[in-house]
Amino acid sequence: MTIFVALMAKTKYNRIKAALSEADKTAGSLAEHLGVHKSTVSDWCTNNNQPSIQDLYKIAKFVGVDHPGDLLIPIKKG
């Protein structure tokens, strides 16, 4: 008997992991900076959970991006 598993593409809402890499910063350093657990940042980086708007602003400042919206994945039209 063959079992088929349907794999759905996971929707990505943010690019925090990429921004950390581009800024040469670690998820651990972000967690320490924000005062949250490393697993919280891990969930954000893997898009299992999303940060609050307030945290998104803090993350943007931490990684040195001009606008918090730069950490979000644009919606594809069409």
PDB file of N, CA and C in Angstrom:
ATOM      1  N   MET A   1       0.841  -1.167   0.000  1.00  0.00           N
ATOM      2  CA  MET A   1       0.000   0.000   0.000  1.00  0.00           C
ATOM      3  C   MET A   1       0.893   1.240   0.000  1.00  0.00           C
ATOM      4  N   THR A   2       0.615   2.138  -0.900  1.00  0.00           N
ATOM      5  CA  THR A   2       1.390   3.369  -1.014  1.00  0.00           C
ATOM      6  C   THR A   2       0.625   4.499  -0.356  1.00  0.00           C
ATOM      7  N   ILE A   3       1.350   5.272   0.443  1.00  0.00           N
ATOM      8  CA  ILE A   3       0.728   6.421   1.099  1.00  0.00           C
ATOM      9  C   ILE A   3       1.216   7.678   0.398  1.00  0.00           C
ATOM     10  N   PHE A   4       0.274   8.477  -0.051  1.00  0.00           N
ATOM     11  CA  PHE A   4       0.609   9.731  -0.712  1.00  0.00           C
ATOM     12  C   PHE A   4       0.402  10.877   0.271  1.00  0.00           C
ATOM     13  N   VAL A   5       1.390  11.741   0.357  1.00  0.00           N
ATOM     14  CA  VAL A   5       1.290  12.903   1.220  1.00  0.00           C
ATOM     15  C   VAL A   5       1.274  14.142   0.331  1.00  0.00           C
ATOM     16  N   ALA A   6       0.231  14.895   0.445  1.00  0.00           N
ATOM     17  CA  ALA A   6       0.127  16.130  -0.342  1.00  0.00           C
ATOM     18  C   ALA A   6       0.913  17.215   0.381  1.00  0.00           C
ATOM     19  N   LEU A   7       1.885  17.765  -0.302  1.00  0.00           N
ATOM     20  CA  LEU A   7       2.672  18.836   0.272  1.00  0.00           C
ATOM     21  C   LEU A   7       2.219  20.164  -0.316  1.00  0.00           C
ATOM     22  N   MET A   8       1.707  20.990   0.528  1.00  0.00           N
ATOM     23  CA  MET A   8       1.267  22.310   0.080  1.00  0.00           C
ATOM     24  C   MET A   8       2.419  23.282   0.298  1.00  0.00           C
ATOM     25  N   ALA A   9       2.589  24.177  -0.651  1.00  0.00           N
ATOM     26  CA  ALA A   9       3.624  25.186  -0.509  1.00  0.00           C
ATOM     27  C   ALA A   9       3.258  26.086   0.666  1.00  0.00           C
ATOM     28  N   LYS A  10       4.219  26.262   1.546  1.00  0.00           N
ATOM     29  CA  LYS A  10       3.993  27.083   2.717  1.00  0.00           C
ATOM     30  C   LYS A  10       4.070  28.558   2.317  1.00  0.00           C
ATOM     31  N   THR A  11       3.086  29.315   2.732  1.00  0.00           N
ATOM     32  CA  THR A  11       3.065  30.740   2.423  1.00  0.00           C
ATOM     33  C   THR A  11       4.109  31.454   3.266  1.00  0.00           C
ATOM     34  N   LYS A  12       4.922  32.257   2.608  1.00  0.00           N
ATOM     35  CA  LYS A  12       5.913  33.059   3.312  1.00  0.00           C
ATOM     36  C   LYS A  12       5.382  34.479   3.417  1.00  0.00           C
ATOM     37  N   TYR A  13       5.380  34.981   4.632  1.00  0.00           N
ATOM     38  CA  TYR A  13       4.868  36.322   4.879  1.00  0.00           C
ATOM     39  C   TYR A  13       5.986  37.331   5.137  1.00  0.00           C
ATOM     40  N   ASN A  14       7.117  36.829   5.647  1.00  0.00           N
ATOM     41  CA  ASN A  14       8.204  37.755   5.966  1.00  0.00           C
ATOM     42  C   ASN A  14       9.539  37.213   5.473  1.00  0.00           C
ATOM     43  N   ARG A  15      10.526  38.101   5.449  1.00  0.00           N
ATOM     44  CA  ARG A  15      11.884  37.740   5.044  1.00  0.00           C
ATOM     45  C   ARG A  15      12.878  38.094   6.148  1.00  0.00           C
ATOM     46  N   ILE A  16      12.472  37.835   7.381  1.00  0.00           N
ATOM     47  CA  ILE A  16      13.316  38.157   8.536  1.00  0.00           C
ATOM     48  C   ILE A  16      14.612  37.361   8.491  1.00  0.00           C
ATOM     49  N   LYS A  17      14.538  36.091   8.155  1.00  0.00           N
ATOM     50  CA  LYS A  17      15.743  35.251   8.101  1.00  0.00           C
ATOM     51  C   LYS A  17      16.746  35.821   7.102  1.00  0.00           C
ATOM     52  N   ALA A  18      16.277  36.221   5.933  1.00  0.00           N
ATOM     53  CA  ALA A  18      17.155  36.788   4.908  1.00  0.00           C
ATOM     54  C   ALA A  18      17.740  38.112   5.377  1.00  0.00           C
ATOM     55  N   ALA A  19      16.908  38.942   6.017  1.00  0.00           N
ATOM     56  CA  ALA A  19      17.378  40.246   6.498  1.00  0.00           C
ATOM     57  C   ALA A  19      18.447  40.080   7.568  1.00  0.00           C
ATOM     58  N   LEU A  20      18.292  39.095   8.442  1.00  0.00           N
ATOM     59  CA  LEU A  20      19.314  38.826   9.452  1.00  0.00           C
ATOM     60  C   LEU A  20      20.628  38.444   8.781  1.00  0.00           C
ATOM     61  N   SER A  21      20.540  37.579   7.787  1.00  0.00           N
ATOM     62  CA  SER A  21      21.738  37.145   7.067  1.00  0.00           C
ATOM     63  C   SER A  21      22.412  38.324   6.363  1.00  0.00           C
ATOM     64  N   GLU A  22      21.616  39.142   5.701  1.00  0.00           N
ATOM     65  CA  GLU A  22      22.157  40.305   4.984  1.00  0.00           C
ATOM     66  C   GLU A  22      22.833  41.290   5.941  1.00  0.00           C
ATOM     67  N   ALA A  23      22.331  41.369   7.170  1.00  0.00           N
ATOM     68  CA  ALA A  23      22.884  42.278   8.168  1.00  0.00           C
ATOM     69  C   ALA A  23      24.005  41.622   8.973  1.00  0.00           C
ATOM     70  N   ASP A  24      24.313  40.360   8.643  1.00  0.00           N
ATOM     71  CA  ASP A  24      25.336  39.587   9.357  1.00  0.00           C
ATOM     72  C   ASP A  24      25.025  39.502  10.856  1.00  0.00           C
ATOM     73  N   LYS A  25      23.746  39.252  11.149  1.00  0.00           N
ATOM     74  CA  LYS A  25      23.279  39.110  12.536  1.00  0.00           C
ATOM     75  C   LYS A  25      22.651  37.734  12.682  1.00  0.00           C
ATOM     76  N   THR A  26      22.555  37.286  13.912  1.00  0.00           N
ATOM     77  CA  THR A  26      21.989  35.963  14.166  1.00  0.00           C
ATOM     78  C   THR A  26      20.593  36.064  14.783  1.00  0.00           C
ATOM     79  N   ALA A  27      19.856  34.981  14.662  1.00  0.00           N
ATOM     80  CA  ALA A  27      18.542  34.912  15.292  1.00  0.00           C
ATOM     81  C   ALA A  27      18.690  35.025  16.807  1.00  0.00           C
ATOM     82  N   GLY A  28      19.742  34.444  17.335  1.00  0.00           N
ATOM     83  CA  GLY A  28      19.993  34.520  18.775  1.00  0.00           C
ATOM     84  C   GLY A  28      20.234  35.945  19.248  1.00  0.00           C
ATOM     85  N   SER A  29      20.977  36.711  18.445  1.00  0.00           N
ATOM     86  CA  SER A  29      21.233  38.104  18.828  1.00  0.00           C
ATOM     87  C   SER A  29      19.951  38.937  18.741  1.00  0.00           C
ATOM     88  N   LEU A  30      19.097  38.627  17.775  1.00  0.00           N
ATOM     89  CA  LEU A  30      17.809  39.316  17.678  1.00  0.00           C
ATOM     90  C   LEU A  30      16.937  38.976  18.883  1.00  0.00           C
ATOM     91  N   ALA A  31      16.905  37.705  19.254  1.00  0.00           N
ATOM     92  CA  ALA A  31      16.112  37.285  20.416  1.00  0.00           C
ATOM     93  C   ALA A  31      16.577  38.014  21.671  1.00  0.00           C
ATOM     94  N   GLU A  32      17.877  38.091  21.848  1.00  0.00           N
ATOM     95  CA  GLU A  32      18.427  38.784  23.020  1.00  0.00           C
ATOM     96  C   GLU A  32      18.074  40.271  22.976  1.00  0.00           C
ATOM     97  N   HIS A  33      18.197  40.875  21.816  1.00  0.00           N
ATOM     98  CA  HIS A  33      17.894  42.301  21.653  1.00  0.00           C
ATOM     99  C   HIS A  33      16.431  42.611  21.994  1.00  0.00           C
ATOM    100  N   LEU A  34      15.529  41.729  21.574  1.00  0.00           N
ATOM    101  CA  LEU A  34      14.094  41.947  21.798  1.00  0.00           C
ATOM    102  C   LEU A  34      13.608  41.412  23.148  1.00  0.00           C
ATOM    103  N   GLY A  35      14.437  40.608  23.799  1.00  0.00           N
ATOM    104  CA  GLY A  35      14.017  40.012  25.063  1.00  0.00           C
ATOM    105  C   GLY A  35      12.982  38.914  24.888  1.00  0.00           C
ATOM    106  N   VAL A  36      13.109  38.163  23.787  1.00  0.00           N
ATOM    107  CA  VAL A  36      12.205  37.037  23.539  1.00  0.00           C
ATOM    108  C   VAL A  36      13.024  35.750  23.450  1.00  0.00           C
ATOM    109  N   HIS A  37      12.352  34.627  23.508  1.00  0.00           N
ATOM    110  CA  HIS A  37      13.024  33.330  23.428  1.00  0.00           C
ATOM    111  C   HIS A  37      13.511  33.076  22.004  1.00  0.00           C
ATOM    112  N   LYS A  38      14.600  32.343  21.878  1.00  0.00           N
ATOM    113  CA  LYS A  38      15.138  32.005  20.551  1.00  0.00           C
ATOM    114  C   LYS A  38      14.119  31.279  19.690  1.00  0.00           C
ATOM    115  N   SER A  39      13.268  30.473  20.310  1.00  0.00           N
ATOM    116  CA  SER A  39      12.269  29.720  19.533  1.00  0.00           C
ATOM    117  C   SER A  39      11.227  30.666  18.913  1.00  0.00           C
ATOM    118  N   THR A  40      10.990  31.803  19.559  1.00  0.00           N
ATOM    119  CA  THR A  40      10.064  32.789  19.000  1.00  0.00           C
ATOM    120  C   THR A  40      10.631  33.350  17.698  1.00  0.00           C
ATOM    121  N   VAL A  41      11.906  33.725  17.729  1.00  0.00           N
ATOM    122  CA  VAL A  41      12.555  34.247  16.526  1.00  0.00           C
ATOM    123  C   VAL A  41      12.636  33.161  15.460  1.00  0.00           C
ATOM    124  N   SER A  42      12.891  31.930  15.874  1.00  0.00           N
ATOM    125  CA  SER A  42      12.930  30.820  14.932  1.00  0.00           C
ATOM    126  C   SER A  42      11.588  30.667  14.218  1.00  0.00           C
ATOM    127  N   ASP A  43      10.495  30.788  14.972  1.00  0.00           N
ATOM    128  CA  ASP A  43       9.158  30.697  14.368  1.00  0.00           C
ATOM    129  C   ASP A  43       8.927  31.819  13.369  1.00  0.00           C
ATOM    130  N   TRP A  44       9.433  33.015  13.667  1.00  0.00           N
ATOM    131  CA  TRP A  44       9.303  34.127  12.723  1.00  0.00           C
ATOM    132  C   TRP A  44      10.115  33.854  11.463  1.00  0.00           C
ATOM    133  N   CYS A  45      11.339  33.357  11.657  1.00  0.00           N
ATOM    134  CA  CYS A  45      12.234  33.111  10.519  1.00  0.00           C
ATOM    135  C   CYS A  45      11.721  32.019   9.590  1.00  0.00           C
ATOM    136  N   THR A  46      10.989  31.071  10.140  1.00  0.00           N
ATOM    137  CA  THR A  46      10.446  29.978   9.331  1.00  0.00           C
ATOM    138  C   THR A  46       8.999  30.221   8.922  1.00  0.00           C
ATOM    139  N   ASN A  47       8.475  31.396   9.271  1.00  0.00           N
ATOM    140  CA  ASN A  47       7.105  31.774   8.942  1.00  0.00           C
ATOM    141  C   ASN A  47       6.053  30.872   9.576  1.00  0.00           C
ATOM    142  N   ASN A  48       6.403  30.242  10.699  1.00  0.00           N
ATOM    143  CA  ASN A  48       5.411  29.474  11.452  1.00  0.00           C
ATOM    144  C   ASN A  48       4.537  30.394  12.284  1.00  0.00           C
ATOM    145  N   ASN A  49       5.061  31.571  12.579  1.00  0.00           N
ATOM    146  CA  ASN A  49       4.357  32.582  13.342  1.00  0.00           C
ATOM    147  C   ASN A  49       4.870  33.930  12.865  1.00  0.00           C
ATOM    148  N   GLN A  50       4.164  35.006  13.168  1.00  0.00           N
ATOM    149  CA  GLN A  50       4.559  36.335  12.707  1.00  0.00           C
ATOM    150  C   GLN A  50       4.718  37.285  13.884  1.00  0.00           C
ATOM    151  N   PRO A  51       5.683  38.199  13.783  1.00  0.00           N
ATOM    152  CA  PRO A  51       5.858  39.173  14.859  1.00  0.00           C
ATOM    153  C   PRO A  51       4.751  40.222  14.832  1.00  0.00           C
ATOM    154  N   SER A  52       4.575  40.880  15.968  1.00  0.00           N
ATOM    155  CA  SER A  52       3.620  41.996  16.018  1.00  0.00           C
ATOM    156  C   SER A  52       4.173  43.151  15.186  1.00  0.00           C
ATOM    157  N   ILE A  53       3.332  44.101  14.886  1.00  0.00           N
ATOM    158  CA  ILE A  53       3.770  45.288  14.152  1.00  0.00           C
ATOM    159  C   ILE A  53       4.863  46.008  14.944  1.00  0.00           C
ATOM    160  N   GLN A  54       4.683  46.110  16.255  1.00  0.00           N
ATOM    161  CA  GLN A  54       5.678  46.772  17.096  1.00  0.00           C
ATOM    162  C   GLN A  54       7.024  46.052  17.000  1.00  0.00           C
ATOM    163  N   ASP A  55       6.994  44.722  17.053  1.00  0.00           N
ATOM    164  CA  ASP A  55       8.239  43.958  16.943  1.00  0.00           C
ATOM    165  C   ASP A  55       8.835  44.071  15.544  1.00  0.00           C
ATOM    166  N   LEU A  56       7.985  44.146  14.530  1.00  0.00           N
ATOM    167  CA  LEU A  56       8.473  44.293  13.161  1.00  0.00           C
ATOM    168  C   LEU A  56       9.285  45.592  13.019  1.00  0.00           C
ATOM    169  N   TYR A  57       8.815  46.660  13.644  1.00  0.00           N
ATOM    170  CA  TYR A  57       9.556  47.928  13.634  1.00  0.00           C
ATOM    171  C   TYR A  57      10.911  47.768  14.337  1.00  0.00           C
ATOM    172  N   LYS A  58      10.911  47.073  15.468  1.00  0.00           N
ATOM    173  CA  LYS A  58      12.162  46.859  16.218  1.00  0.00           C
ATOM    174  C   LYS A  58      13.135  45.999  15.409  1.00  0.00           C
ATOM    175  N   ILE A  59      12.607  44.992  14.726  1.00  0.00           N
ATOM    176  CA  ILE A  59      13.442  44.118  13.899  1.00  0.00           C
ATOM    177  C   ILE A  59      14.050  44.914  12.747  1.00  0.00           C
ATOM    178  N   ALA A  60      13.243  45.755  12.119  1.00  0.00           N
ATOM    179  CA  ALA A  60      13.737  46.579  11.007  1.00  0.00           C
ATOM    180  C   ALA A  60      14.900  47.448  11.464  1.00  0.00           C
ATOM    181  N   LYS A  61      14.752  48.068  12.607  1.00  0.00           N
ATOM    182  CA  LYS A  61      15.825  48.913  13.136  1.00  0.00           C
ATOM    183  C   LYS A  61      17.064  48.075  13.443  1.00  0.00           C
ATOM    184  N   PHE A  62      16.865  46.895  14.024  1.00  0.00           N
ATOM    185  CA  PHE A  62      17.972  46.016  14.394  1.00  0.00           C
ATOM    186  C   PHE A  62      18.787  45.574  13.181  1.00  0.00           C
ATOM    187  N   VAL A  63      18.106  45.254  12.083  1.00  0.00           N
ATOM    188  CA  VAL A  63      18.815  44.783  10.882  1.00  0.00           C
ATOM    189  C   VAL A  63      19.192  45.920   9.939  1.00  0.00           C
ATOM    190  N   GLY A  64      18.748  47.130  10.263  1.00  0.00           N
ATOM    191  CA  GLY A  64      19.157  48.290   9.488  1.00  0.00           C
ATOM    192  C   GLY A  64      18.413  48.522   8.189  1.00  0.00           C
ATOM    193  N   VAL A  65      17.146  48.096   8.135  1.00  0.00           N
ATOM    194  CA  VAL A  65      16.355  48.407   6.940  1.00  0.00           C
ATOM    195  C   VAL A  65      15.580  49.695   7.202  1.00  0.00           C
ATOM    196  N   ASP A  66      15.325  50.452   6.137  1.00  0.00           N
ATOM    197  CA  ASP A  66      14.693  51.757   6.266  1.00  0.00           C
ATOM    198  C   ASP A  66      13.216  51.703   6.649  1.00  0.00           C
ATOM    199  N   HIS A  67      12.547  50.639   6.217  1.00  0.00           N
ATOM    200  CA  HIS A  67      11.103  50.557   6.412  1.00  0.00           C
ATOM    201  C   HIS A  67      10.731  49.141   6.830  1.00  0.00           C
ATOM    202  N   PRO A  68       9.913  48.986   7.871  1.00  0.00           N
ATOM    203  CA  PRO A  68       9.505  47.647   8.302  1.00  0.00           C
ATOM    204  C   PRO A  68       8.846  46.833   7.193  1.00  0.00           C
ATOM    205  N   GLY A  69       8.194  47.512   6.259  1.00  0.00           N
ATOM    206  CA  GLY A  69       7.562  46.814   5.140  1.00  0.00           C
ATOM    207  C   GLY A  69       8.557  46.070   4.270  1.00  0.00           C
ATOM    208  N   ASP A  70       9.832  46.479   4.333  1.00  0.00           N
ATOM    209  CA  ASP A  70      10.874  45.780   3.570  1.00  0.00           C
ATOM    210  C   ASP A  70      11.113  44.368   4.092  1.00  0.00           C
ATOM    211  N   LEU A  71      10.589  44.078   5.274  1.00  0.00           N
ATOM    212  CA  LEU A  71      10.732  42.737   5.846  1.00  0.00           C
ATOM    213  C   LEU A  71       9.587  41.816   5.440  1.00  0.00           C
ATOM    214  N   LEU A  72       8.607  42.355   4.724  1.00  0.00           N
ATOM    215  CA  LEU A  72       7.443  41.560   4.308  1.00  0.00           C
ATOM    216  C   LEU A  72       7.575  41.123   2.856  1.00  0.00           C
ATOM    217  N   ILE A  73       6.988  39.981   2.556  1.00  0.00           N
ATOM    218  CA  ILE A  73       6.951  39.448   1.194  1.00  0.00           C
ATOM    219  C   ILE A  73       5.769  40.108   0.467  1.00  0.00           C
ATOM    220  N   PRO A  74       6.015  40.718  -0.705  1.00  0.00           N
ATOM    221  CA  PRO A  74       4.908  41.351  -1.434  1.00  0.00           C
ATOM    222  C   PRO A  74       3.867  40.320  -1.876  1.00  0.00           C
ATOM    223  N   ILE A  75       2.639  40.771  -1.983  1.00  0.00           N
ATOM    224  CA  ILE A  75       1.563  39.923  -2.491  1.00  0.00           C
ATOM    225  C   ILE A  75       1.701  39.839  -4.014  1.00  0.00           C
ATOM    226  N   LYS A  76       1.671  38.625  -4.521  1.00  0.00           N
ATOM    227  CA  LYS A  76       1.749  38.443  -5.981  1.00  0.00           C
ATOM    228  C   LYS A  76       0.396  38.714  -6.586  1.00  0.00           C
ATOM    229  N   LYS A  77       0.378  39.562  -7.608  1.00  0.00           N
ATOM    230  CA  LYS A  77      -0.877  39.895  -8.291  1.00  0.00           C
ATOM    231  C   LYS A  77      -1.117  38.902  -9.418  1.00  0.00           C
ATOM    232  N   GLY A  78      -2.384  38.637  -9.635  1.00  0.00           N
ATOM    233  CA  GLY A  78      -2.747  37.812 -10.767  1.00  0.00           C
ATOM    234  C   GLY A  78      -2.887  36.426 -10.396  1.00  0.00           C
TER     235      GLY A  78
END
